[in-house]
Protein backbone atom coordinates (compact mmCIF):
# COMPACT_ATOMS: atom_id res chain seq x y z
CA MET A 1 14.28 -23.23 83.55
CA SER A 2 12.55 -24.85 80.63
CA SER A 3 9.55 -23.28 78.98
CA VAL A 4 6.24 -25.13 78.74
CA GLU A 5 3.68 -24.49 75.94
CA SER A 6 0.13 -23.74 77.04
CA LEU A 7 -2.40 -26.44 76.10
CA PRO A 8 -6.19 -26.34 76.09
CA ALA A 9 -7.74 -27.13 79.48
CA SER A 10 -9.10 -30.39 78.06
CA GLY A 11 -5.61 -31.58 77.24
CA GLY A 12 -6.57 -32.17 73.58
CA SER A 13 -4.88 -30.83 70.47
CA VAL A 14 -5.26 -27.21 69.40
CA PRO A 15 -8.27 -26.91 67.02
CA PRO A 16 -7.50 -25.59 63.52
CA PRO A 17 -8.33 -21.93 62.92
CA VAL A 18 -11.76 -21.24 61.50
CA THR A 19 -11.50 -20.25 57.84
CA ARG A 20 -14.06 -17.98 56.24
CA ALA A 21 -14.92 -18.13 52.55
CA THR A 22 -14.34 -14.91 50.62
CA ALA A 23 -16.96 -13.23 48.44
CA ALA A 24 -16.87 -9.96 46.53
CA VAL A 25 -19.54 -7.48 45.52
CA ILE A 26 -18.74 -5.43 42.40
CA TYR A 27 -21.26 -2.62 42.18
CA ASN A 28 -22.04 0.28 39.88
CA PRO A 29 -22.68 3.27 42.17
CA VAL A 30 -24.87 4.92 39.52
CA LYS A 31 -27.21 1.90 39.26
CA VAL A 32 -27.54 0.70 42.86
CA GLU A 33 -28.05 1.90 46.42
CA VAL A 34 -24.96 0.37 47.98
CA ASP A 35 -26.00 0.98 51.61
CA GLU A 36 -29.16 -1.10 51.11
CA ILE A 37 -27.15 -3.89 49.47
CA LYS A 38 -24.65 -3.88 52.34
CA ARG A 39 -27.44 -4.27 54.87
CA VAL A 40 -28.71 -7.43 53.16
CA VAL A 41 -25.27 -8.83 52.40
CA GLU A 42 -24.01 -8.37 55.97
CA ALA A 43 -26.92 -10.43 57.25
CA GLU A 44 -25.92 -13.29 54.91
CA ASP A 45 -22.27 -12.87 55.96
CA ALA A 46 -23.16 -13.36 59.59
CA ALA A 47 -25.37 -16.37 58.89
CA GLY A 48 -23.00 -18.18 56.51
CA GLY A 49 -19.56 -17.29 57.80
CA TRP A 50 -18.44 -15.29 54.77
CA THR A 51 -16.03 -12.41 54.41
CA THR A 52 -17.26 -10.08 51.69
CA LEU A 53 -15.10 -7.53 49.88
CA TRP A 54 -16.49 -4.48 48.11
CA PHE A 55 -15.39 -3.03 44.77
CA GLU A 56 -16.85 0.03 43.03
CA THR A 57 -16.88 0.28 39.24
CA THR A 58 -15.78 3.42 37.45
CA GLU A 59 -16.51 5.02 34.10
CA ASP A 60 -13.15 3.78 32.80
CA ASP A 61 -13.47 0.28 34.30
CA PRO A 62 -17.01 -1.15 34.38
CA GLY A 63 -16.03 -4.27 36.32
CA GLY A 64 -13.19 -6.22 34.71
CA GLY A 65 -10.37 -4.78 36.79
CA GLN A 66 -12.39 -5.14 39.97
CA ALA A 67 -13.15 -8.79 39.13
CA ALA A 68 -9.42 -9.46 38.68
CA GLU A 69 -8.73 -7.86 42.08
CA ALA A 70 -11.44 -10.00 43.66
CA LEU A 71 -9.88 -13.19 42.28
CA GLU A 72 -6.44 -12.13 43.51
CA ALA A 73 -7.95 -11.61 46.97
CA GLY A 74 -9.23 -15.20 46.97
CA ALA A 75 -12.90 -14.62 46.20
CA THR A 76 -14.77 -17.78 45.23
CA LEU A 77 -18.06 -15.90 44.77
CA VAL A 78 -18.50 -12.61 42.91
CA ILE A 79 -21.78 -10.70 42.97
CA ALA A 80 -22.31 -8.27 40.08
CA ALA A 81 -24.61 -5.45 41.19
CA GLY A 82 -25.29 -3.25 38.19
CA GLY A 83 -26.54 -3.27 34.63
CA ASP A 84 -25.71 -5.55 31.72
CA GLY A 85 -22.39 -3.76 31.16
CA THR A 86 -21.21 -4.58 34.67
CA VAL A 87 -22.31 -8.21 34.34
CA ARG A 88 -20.56 -8.63 30.98
CA ALA A 89 -17.28 -7.08 32.19
CA VAL A 90 -17.19 -9.21 35.35
CA ALA A 91 -18.12 -12.41 33.52
CA GLU A 92 -15.37 -11.83 30.96
CA VAL A 93 -12.80 -12.15 33.76
CA LEU A 94 -14.49 -14.99 35.68
CA ALA A 95 -14.95 -17.21 32.60
CA GLY A 96 -12.70 -20.24 32.81
CA THR A 97 -12.18 -19.96 36.57
CA ASP A 98 -13.81 -21.81 39.49
CA ALA A 99 -15.22 -18.59 40.96
CA ALA A 100 -19.01 -18.35 40.75
CA LEU A 101 -20.90 -15.33 39.43
CA SER A 102 -24.18 -14.24 40.96
CA LEU A 103 -26.39 -11.40 39.78
CA LEU A 104 -28.00 -8.57 41.69
CA PRO A 105 -29.94 -7.14 38.72
CA SER A 106 -30.06 -3.36 38.39
CA GLY A 107 -30.55 -0.99 35.50
CA THR A 108 -32.88 -1.18 32.50
CA GLY A 109 -32.20 -4.34 30.54
CA ASN A 110 -31.04 -7.03 32.98
CA LEU A 111 -30.85 -9.20 29.88
CA LEU A 112 -28.93 -12.16 31.30
CA ALA A 113 -31.05 -12.26 34.44
CA ARG A 114 -34.26 -12.23 32.39
CA ASN A 115 -33.00 -14.93 30.04
CA LEU A 116 -32.11 -17.10 33.04
CA ASP A 117 -35.52 -16.39 34.65
CA LEU A 118 -33.84 -14.94 37.74
CA THR A 119 -35.65 -12.72 40.23
CA ILE A 120 -35.39 -9.08 39.16
CA ASP A 121 -36.98 -6.99 41.91
CA ASP A 122 -36.28 -8.96 45.11
CA MET A 123 -32.89 -8.03 46.56
CA GLU A 124 -33.15 -10.40 49.52
CA HIS A 125 -33.85 -13.34 47.21
CA SER A 126 -31.01 -12.40 44.85
CA VAL A 127 -28.50 -12.11 47.71
CA ARG A 128 -29.70 -15.39 49.23
CA THR A 129 -29.20 -17.05 45.84
CA ALA A 130 -25.63 -15.75 45.74
CA TYR A 131 -24.65 -17.23 49.09
CA ALA A 132 -26.86 -20.33 49.24
CA GLY A 133 -27.80 -21.07 45.63
CA VAL A 134 -26.83 -24.03 43.47
CA ASP A 135 -24.12 -24.06 40.84
CA ARG A 136 -24.95 -23.88 37.13
CA ARG A 137 -22.53 -23.63 34.22
CA ILE A 138 -23.42 -21.56 31.17
CA ASP A 139 -21.73 -20.82 27.86
CA VAL A 140 -19.74 -17.68 27.16
CA ALA A 141 -19.49 -16.24 23.66
CA VAL A 142 -16.04 -14.96 22.70
CA ILE A 143 -15.76 -12.34 19.97
CA ASP A 144 -12.76 -10.97 18.07
CA ILE A 145 -13.70 -7.51 16.77
CA ALA A 146 -11.82 -6.23 13.70
CA ARG A 147 -11.42 -2.46 13.95
CA PRO A 148 -11.13 0.07 11.11
CA ASP A 149 -7.48 0.79 12.02
CA GLY A 150 -6.52 -2.85 11.47
CA GLU A 151 -6.38 -3.78 15.15
CA THR A 152 -8.37 -6.68 16.64
CA ASP A 153 -9.56 -6.85 20.23
CA THR A 154 -11.18 -9.78 22.02
CA HIS A 155 -14.15 -9.63 24.39
CA SER A 156 -16.88 -11.85 25.77
CA PHE A 157 -20.64 -11.51 25.74
CA LEU A 158 -23.40 -13.46 27.43
CA VAL A 159 -26.58 -12.41 25.65
CA MET A 160 -26.16 -10.93 22.14
CA ALA A 161 -23.73 -9.12 19.88
CA GLY A 162 -24.72 -7.38 16.69
CA VAL A 163 -23.92 -4.96 13.91
CA GLY A 164 -26.33 -2.82 11.94
CA LEU A 165 -29.82 -1.96 13.11
CA ASP A 166 -29.61 -3.18 16.72
CA ALA A 167 -26.21 -1.58 17.33
CA LYS A 168 -27.46 1.73 15.95
CA ILE A 169 -30.48 1.55 18.27
CA MET A 170 -28.20 1.05 21.30
CA ASN A 171 -25.93 3.87 20.15
CA ASN A 172 -28.84 6.28 19.62
CA THR A 173 -30.83 5.54 22.80
CA ASP A 174 -31.03 8.55 25.11
CA PRO A 175 -29.63 7.41 28.51
CA ASP A 176 -31.72 9.98 30.42
CA LEU A 177 -34.89 8.79 28.71
CA LYS A 178 -33.92 5.17 29.36
CA ALA A 179 -33.57 5.96 33.05
CA LYS A 180 -37.08 7.41 33.08
CA VAL A 181 -39.09 5.00 30.89
CA GLY A 182 -36.88 1.91 30.72
CA TRP A 183 -36.77 -0.22 27.59
CA LEU A 184 -39.41 1.95 25.86
CA ALA A 185 -36.59 4.40 25.15
CA TYR A 186 -35.32 1.90 22.59
CA ALA A 187 -38.56 2.33 20.61
CA ARG A 188 -37.84 6.02 20.13
CA ALA A 189 -34.32 5.21 18.97
CA LEU A 190 -35.73 2.61 16.56
CA ALA A 191 -37.98 5.20 14.92
CA GLY A 192 -34.94 7.33 14.11
CA VAL A 193 -32.75 4.44 12.99
CA LEU A 194 -35.37 3.12 10.54
CA ARG A 195 -34.95 6.31 8.50
CA ASP A 196 -31.37 5.24 7.77
CA LYS A 197 -31.35 3.57 4.33
CA ASP A 198 -27.71 2.45 4.56
CA TYR A 199 -27.68 -1.35 4.31
CA LEU A 200 -24.92 -3.59 5.56
CA ARG A 201 -23.03 -5.33 2.78
CA ILE A 202 -21.51 -8.39 4.36
CA LYS A 203 -19.66 -11.60 3.65
CA TYR A 204 -20.07 -14.39 6.19
CA ARG A 205 -19.21 -18.02 6.87
CA SER A 206 -19.81 -20.59 9.57
CA ASP A 207 -16.36 -22.19 9.56
CA GLN A 208 -12.87 -21.52 8.25
CA LYS A 209 -13.20 -24.07 5.43
CA GLN A 210 -16.08 -22.24 3.75
CA ARG A 211 -15.90 -19.39 1.28
CA ARG A 212 -17.58 -16.25 2.57
CA ARG A 213 -21.12 -15.78 1.25
CA PRO A 214 -22.23 -12.25 0.28
CA ALA A 215 -25.47 -10.69 1.53
CA ARG A 216 -27.17 -7.35 2.05
CA ALA A 217 -28.73 -6.92 5.47
CA GLN A 218 -30.16 -4.49 7.98
CA ALA A 219 -28.68 -6.35 10.95
CA VAL A 220 -26.56 -9.35 11.89
CA ILE A 221 -27.12 -10.57 15.45
CA VAL A 222 -25.35 -13.42 17.26
CA GLY A 223 -27.07 -14.69 20.38
CA ASN A 224 -26.12 -16.80 23.37
CA CYS A 225 -29.61 -16.08 24.76
CA GLY A 226 -32.86 -15.40 22.94
CA SER A 227 -34.82 -12.59 24.61
CA LEU A 228 -34.55 -8.82 24.19
CA PRO A 229 -35.89 -5.98 26.37
CA GLY A 230 -39.68 -5.83 26.39
CA ASN A 231 -39.80 -9.66 26.52
CA ILE A 232 -39.24 -9.84 22.75
CA LEU A 233 -38.15 -13.36 21.82
CA LEU A 234 -35.77 -12.85 18.91
CA LEU A 235 -34.07 -16.28 18.96
CA PRO A 236 -36.58 -18.92 20.14
CA GLU A 237 -34.14 -21.84 19.92
CA ALA A 238 -31.35 -20.16 21.89
CA VAL A 239 -30.23 -22.00 25.03
CA VAL A 240 -27.53 -20.60 27.27
CA ASP A 241 -25.80 -23.93 27.85
CA ASP A 242 -26.13 -25.80 24.52
CA GLY A 243 -22.67 -25.01 23.16
CA LEU A 244 -24.12 -23.19 20.14
CA LEU A 245 -24.54 -19.64 18.90
CA ASP A 246 -27.86 -18.57 17.41
CA ILE A 247 -27.52 -16.35 14.35
CA VAL A 248 -30.15 -14.10 12.80
CA ILE A 249 -29.63 -12.01 9.67
CA LEU A 250 -32.40 -9.49 8.98
CA LYS A 251 -32.74 -8.74 5.25
CA PRO A 252 -35.92 -6.73 4.62
CA GLU A 253 -35.73 -5.01 1.23
CA SER A 254 -39.17 -3.40 1.28
CA PHE A 255 -42.24 -2.74 3.39
CA GLY A 256 -43.26 -6.33 2.72
CA GLY A 257 -39.92 -7.50 4.03
CA TRP A 258 -40.46 -5.61 7.27
CA LEU A 259 -43.86 -7.28 7.58
CA GLN A 260 -42.05 -10.62 7.35
CA VAL A 261 -39.71 -9.54 10.16
CA ILE A 262 -42.66 -8.44 12.30
CA PHE A 263 -44.47 -11.73 11.62
CA LYS A 264 -41.42 -13.82 12.44
CA VAL A 265 -40.30 -11.96 15.58
CA PHE A 266 -43.51 -10.72 17.16
CA TRP A 267 -46.06 -13.36 16.10
CA GLU A 268 -44.21 -16.63 15.53
CA ASN A 269 -41.42 -16.13 18.09
CA GLY A 270 -43.29 -13.89 20.51
CA ILE A 271 -46.55 -15.82 20.68
CA VAL A 272 -46.56 -19.16 18.85
CA LYS A 273 -43.16 -20.38 20.05
CA ARG A 274 -43.98 -19.52 23.66
CA THR A 275 -46.70 -22.19 23.75
CA LYS A 276 -46.00 -25.88 24.34
CA ALA A 277 -47.57 -26.90 21.03
CA GLY A 278 -45.90 -24.05 19.14
CA ARG A 279 -42.42 -25.09 20.24
CA LYS A 280 -42.93 -28.41 18.42
CA LEU A 281 -43.80 -26.73 15.12
CA ASP A 282 -41.31 -25.85 12.42
CA GLY A 283 -41.03 -22.13 11.81
CA VAL A 284 -42.27 -20.51 8.62
CA ASP A 285 -39.39 -19.69 6.27
CA VAL A 286 -39.37 -16.07 5.13
CA SER A 287 -36.85 -14.47 2.81
CA ALA A 288 -36.27 -11.45 5.07
CA VAL A 289 -35.04 -13.49 8.07
CA ASP A 290 -32.24 -16.08 8.09
CA LEU A 291 -31.76 -18.17 11.24
CA ALA A 292 -29.01 -20.66 12.09
CA GLN A 293 -27.35 -22.43 15.03
CA LEU A 294 -23.58 -22.72 14.82
CA PRO A 295 -20.55 -23.18 17.12
CA GLU A 296 -18.71 -20.33 15.37
CA PHE A 297 -19.49 -17.53 12.93
CA GLU A 298 -17.52 -14.90 11.02
CA VAL A 299 -18.62 -11.68 9.28
CA ARG A 300 -16.79 -9.09 7.23
CA LEU A 301 -18.35 -5.70 6.41
CA SER A 302 -17.82 -3.60 3.31
CA HIS A 303 -17.41 -0.52 5.53
CA ALA A 304 -17.14 0.23 9.23
CA ASP A 305 -20.35 0.15 11.26
CA GLU A 306 -21.37 0.21 14.92
CA ILE A 307 -21.24 -2.95 17.00
CA GLN A 308 -22.91 -3.72 20.33
CA LEU A 309 -22.25 -6.33 23.01
CA ASP A 310 -25.01 -7.17 25.49
CA GLY A 311 -26.76 -3.89 24.74
CA ASP A 312 -23.75 -1.61 25.13
CA PRO A 313 -22.21 0.29 22.17
CA PHE A 314 -18.73 -1.06 21.47
CA GLY A 315 -17.43 1.30 18.80
CA GLN A 316 -16.86 0.72 15.10
CA ALA A 317 -16.11 -2.63 13.49
CA VAL A 318 -15.27 -3.84 9.99
CA GLY A 319 -16.02 -7.42 10.96
CA PHE A 320 -15.97 -9.96 13.74
CA ALA A 321 -15.43 -13.66 14.44
CA THR A 322 -17.24 -15.28 17.34
CA ARG A 323 -17.20 -18.70 18.97
CA VAL A 324 -18.56 -20.52 22.02
CA ASP A 325 -16.61 -21.31 25.17
CA ALA A 326 -19.01 -24.01 26.36
CA GLY A 327 -19.74 -24.15 30.09
CA ALA A 328 -17.02 -21.60 30.81
CA LEU A 329 -18.92 -19.57 33.42
CA LEU A 330 -20.02 -20.90 36.79
CA MET A 331 -23.17 -19.16 38.03
CA LYS A 332 -25.41 -19.31 41.06
CA ALA A 333 -29.06 -20.26 40.53
CA PRO A 334 -31.83 -20.24 43.15
CA ALA A 335 -31.81 -23.38 45.27
CA ASP A 336 -35.62 -23.54 45.10
CA ASP A 337 -35.71 -23.84 41.27
């Protein structure tokens, strides 16, 4: 007796199985209420036919390992739910892939989200953007950090990296105070750091063919974006998808030099450059602030100092070299922009 395969009642061919796209949420349990996020995400899953995986960050792994696991599981969308450290770690792994990153901003700074003008305090809108937003490619800055022991390690950043004053502020900010008063905690750290009279003695160059130029500075900051916490516009020409790094070297030697810094950052950048007419004006040159736009930049320090990436302390460095990986990161932007 021969066997006969069962066919659909209509006599037609068997329809292909329904495939569901895979997404992943990588969340910092200290920064977010995961049950509330799951409620919103599950509603989008049901409406859009997604399968969403969940990965929790740890103190030892703020998101990079989880992002690698998500890619191995076939995720084409990764939602980073946490602070700037979580976003940076996840983006470092996603850069150069076809998987899209979406942000569910949490924490104090939310620097990338603010620089991209994304919604900060509307979870439903952020989750909707992840699943139904439009694609946008942005640059990723790659940095090789030279350590005091002679080793070099490579990382990525999306907003800013720096040595000197800004790194010391990040390293000296009280995390408990930051949780209570937000970015104002940085002001208290700044007051303490300004008492430090130890200048950076640096040598820098913008490409490998140049000789390194010496300088004495309070801070060297490399930006992929322009805004700091408190809506301070440090780098008014910075654009996240222009293929360039924006460099600022702060060199105040006296009280007058600090007045130049205040004028440049808080008045010219913070007020004048935010207006339509002001953006067309050339900035006032001051000796205490050097600005440049470059595709790559290298610094060597006379002695080890703290370095920060996207607002997180990253240990001691004796120098760094940084470059742009243009358009390396695929992100989700609101469809109604």
